[in-house]
C-alpha atoms as a PDB file:
ATOM      1  CA  MET A   1    -162.567 -71.720  45.645  1.00  0.00           C
ATOM      2  CA  THR A   2    -163.421 -68.301  46.669  1.00  0.00           C
ATOM      3  CA  ARG A   3    -161.970 -66.661  49.885  1.00  0.00           C
ATOM      4  CA  GLU A   4    -165.571 -66.546  51.230  1.00  0.00           C
ATOM      5  CA  ASN A   5    -166.005 -70.218  50.605  1.00  0.00           C
ATOM      6  CA  LEU A   6    -162.705 -71.047  52.099  1.00  0.00           C
ATOM      7  CA  GLU A   7    -163.690 -69.018  55.306  1.00  0.00           C
ATOM      8  CA  GLN A   8    -166.959 -70.828  55.479  1.00  0.00           C
ATOM      9  CA  GLN A   9    -165.210 -74.138  55.278  1.00  0.00           C
ATOM     10  CA  LEU A  10    -162.612 -73.181  57.956  1.00  0.00           C
ATOM     11  CA  GLY A  11    -165.439 -71.878  60.120  1.00  0.00           C
ATOM     12  CA  LYS A  12    -167.255 -75.408  59.761  1.00  0.00           C
ATOM     13  CA  ILE A  13    -163.999 -77.237  60.823  1.00  0.00           C
ATOM     14  CA  LYS A  14    -163.601 -74.795  63.835  1.00  0.00           C
ATOM     15  CA  GLU A  15    -167.164 -75.482  64.831  1.00  0.00           C
ATOM     16  CA  GLU A  16    -166.778 -79.271  64.567  1.00  0.00           C
ATOM     17  CA  PHE A  17    -163.622 -79.053  66.715  1.00  0.00           C
ATOM     18  CA  LEU A  18    -165.200 -76.961  69.495  1.00  0.00           C
ATOM     19  CA  ALA A  19    -168.228 -79.305  69.536  1.00  0.00           C
ATOM     20  CA  HIS A  20    -166.045 -82.518  69.346  1.00  0.00           C
ATOM     21  CA  PRO A  21    -162.339 -81.763  70.014  1.00  0.00           C
ATOM     22  CA  LYS A  22    -160.441 -84.290  68.021  1.00  0.00           C
ATOM     23  CA  GLY A  23    -157.145 -83.032  67.010  1.00  0.00           C
ATOM     24  CA  LYS A  24    -156.127 -85.607  64.405  1.00  0.00           C
ATOM     25  CA  SER A  25    -159.446 -85.210  62.759  1.00  0.00           C
ATOM     26  CA  THR A  26    -159.169 -81.407  62.549  1.00  0.00           C
ATOM     27  CA  VAL A  27    -155.674 -81.346  61.229  1.00  0.00           C
ATOM     28  CA  ARG A  28    -156.636 -83.878  58.552  1.00  0.00           C
ATOM     29  CA  GLU A  29    -159.653 -81.642  57.624  1.00  0.00           C
ATOM     30  CA  ILE A  30    -157.692 -78.595  57.321  1.00  0.00           C
ATOM     31  CA  THR A  31    -155.041 -80.260  55.169  1.00  0.00           C
ATOM     32  CA  LEU A  32    -157.670 -81.668  52.854  1.00  0.00           C
ATOM     33  CA  LEU A  33    -159.188 -78.212  52.442  1.00  0.00           C
ATOM     34  CA  MET A  34    -156.005 -76.656  51.698  1.00  0.00           C
ATOM     35  CA  ASP A  35    -155.273 -79.419  49.202  1.00  0.00           C
ATOM     36  CA  GLN A  36    -158.441 -78.413  47.508  1.00  0.00           C
ATOM     37  CA  VAL A  37    -157.486 -74.730  47.470  1.00  0.00           C
ATOM     38  CA  LEU A  38    -153.963 -75.431  46.059  1.00  0.00           C
ATOM     39  CA  ASP A  39    -155.334 -77.928  43.443  1.00  0.00           C
ATOM     40  CA  SER A  40    -157.816 -75.205  42.287  1.00  0.00           C
ATOM     41  CA  ALA A  41    -155.141 -72.379  41.975  1.00  0.00           C
ATOM     42  CA  TYR A  42    -152.623 -74.634  40.388  1.00  0.00           C
ATOM     43  CA  LEU A  43    -155.172 -75.671  37.723  1.00  0.00           C
ATOM     44  CA  LYS A  44    -156.204 -72.167  37.077  1.00  0.00           C
ATOM     45  CA  ALA A  45    -152.533 -70.969  36.742  1.00  0.00           C
ATOM     46  CA  GLN A  46    -151.886 -73.856  34.228  1.00  0.00           C
ATOM     47  CA  LYS A  47    -154.724 -72.770  32.202  1.00  0.00           C
ATOM     48  CA  THR A  48    -153.635 -69.213  32.152  1.00  0.00           C
ATOM     49  CA  VAL A  49    -150.039 -70.088  31.173  1.00  0.00           C
ATOM     50  CA  ARG A  50    -151.099 -72.641  28.657  1.00  0.00           C
ATOM     51  CA  SER A  51    -147.470 -73.772  27.980  1.00  0.00           C
ATOM     52  CA  THR A  52    -146.946 -77.297  26.868  1.00  0.00           C
ATOM     53  CA  ALA A  53    -143.231 -76.607  26.325  1.00  0.00           C
ATOM     54  CA  ASN A  54    -142.479 -76.246  30.010  1.00  0.00           C
ATOM     55  CA  GLU A  55    -144.239 -78.755  32.155  1.00  0.00           C
ATOM     56  CA  SER A  56    -144.536 -78.113  36.026  1.00  0.00           C
ATOM     57  CA  ALA A  57    -145.157 -79.817  39.219  1.00  0.00           C
ATOM     58  CA  LEU A  58    -146.569 -78.589  42.512  1.00  0.00           C
ATOM     59  CA  LEU A  59    -144.880 -80.240  45.635  1.00  0.00           C
ATOM     60  CA  ALA A  60    -145.778 -79.909  49.239  1.00  0.00           C
ATOM     61  CA  THR A  61    -143.168 -79.665  51.959  1.00  0.00           C
ATOM     62  CA  GLY A  62    -143.196 -79.309  55.696  1.00  0.00           C
ATOM     63  CA  GLY A  63    -146.438 -80.011  57.649  1.00  0.00           C
ATOM     64  CA  PHE A  64    -148.487 -79.885  54.435  1.00  0.00           C
ATOM     65  CA  ALA A  65    -146.499 -82.699  52.938  1.00  0.00           C
ATOM     66  CA  ARG A  66    -146.780 -84.712  56.186  1.00  0.00           C
ATOM     67  CA  ARG A  67    -150.543 -84.031  56.040  1.00  0.00           C
ATOM     68  CA  GLU A  68    -150.529 -82.177  59.326  1.00  0.00           C
ATOM     69  CA  LEU A  69    -151.630 -78.498  58.782  1.00  0.00           C
ATOM     70  CA  HIS A  70    -152.691 -77.095  62.092  1.00  0.00           C
ATOM     71  CA  PRO A  71    -154.822 -73.986  62.426  1.00  0.00           C
ATOM     72  CA  TYR A  72    -152.874 -70.926  61.227  1.00  0.00           C
ATOM     73  CA  SER A  73    -150.113 -73.129  59.807  1.00  0.00           C
ATOM     74  CA  ASP A  74    -148.187 -71.730  56.779  1.00  0.00           C
ATOM     75  CA  ILE A  75    -148.298 -73.712  53.664  1.00  0.00           C
ATOM     76  CA  ASP A  76    -144.947 -74.571  52.165  1.00  0.00           C
ATOM     77  CA  ILE A  77    -144.882 -75.430  48.578  1.00  0.00           C
ATOM     78  CA  ILE A  78    -142.374 -75.857  45.757  1.00  0.00           C
ATOM     79  CA  ILE A  79    -143.166 -75.363  42.003  1.00  0.00           C
ATOM     80  CA  LEU A  80    -140.787 -77.161  39.715  1.00  0.00           C
ATOM     81  CA  PHE A  81    -140.405 -76.430  36.052  1.00  0.00           C
ATOM     82  CA  GLU A  82    -139.042 -78.843  33.590  1.00  0.00           C
ATOM     83  CA  ASN A  83    -137.063 -76.046  31.705  1.00  0.00           C
ATOM     84  CA  PRO A  84    -135.601 -72.759  32.966  1.00  0.00           C
ATOM     85  CA  PHE A  85    -137.576 -69.527  32.128  1.00  0.00           C
ATOM     86  CA  PRO A  86    -135.832 -67.041  29.765  1.00  0.00           C
ATOM     87  CA  SER A  87    -134.178 -64.082  31.350  1.00  0.00           C
ATOM     88  CA  TYR A  88    -135.742 -60.801  30.679  1.00  0.00           C
ATOM     89  CA  ASP A  89    -133.329 -58.012  31.095  1.00  0.00           C
END
C-alpha cells in the first residue's frame, strides 16, 4: 500500500465519521486499515530477506492488539525471530 493510498483510505474513514459519528465503527476501520498496511510491509520484508533459516512473527501489542486504534494512535508491534542474528563487529 502506498502512502497516498493510505492517506486516501484514512480520509474516507474521517469523512464517514464526520457524516455518521460512530466511534466503535471508526476505531474498527482504522485498525483494519493498519492491519493491511502492516501485512503488506511484513510480506515485502519477508520477500526481501528470503531467509528460511530464521522464521519470524509479527505481533501486535497495545491498542492495536486490542483492535482499538484511535485516530493518531501509535502502532506497537514486536517482531520475533526464531534464532538470534549474528553479531557484526
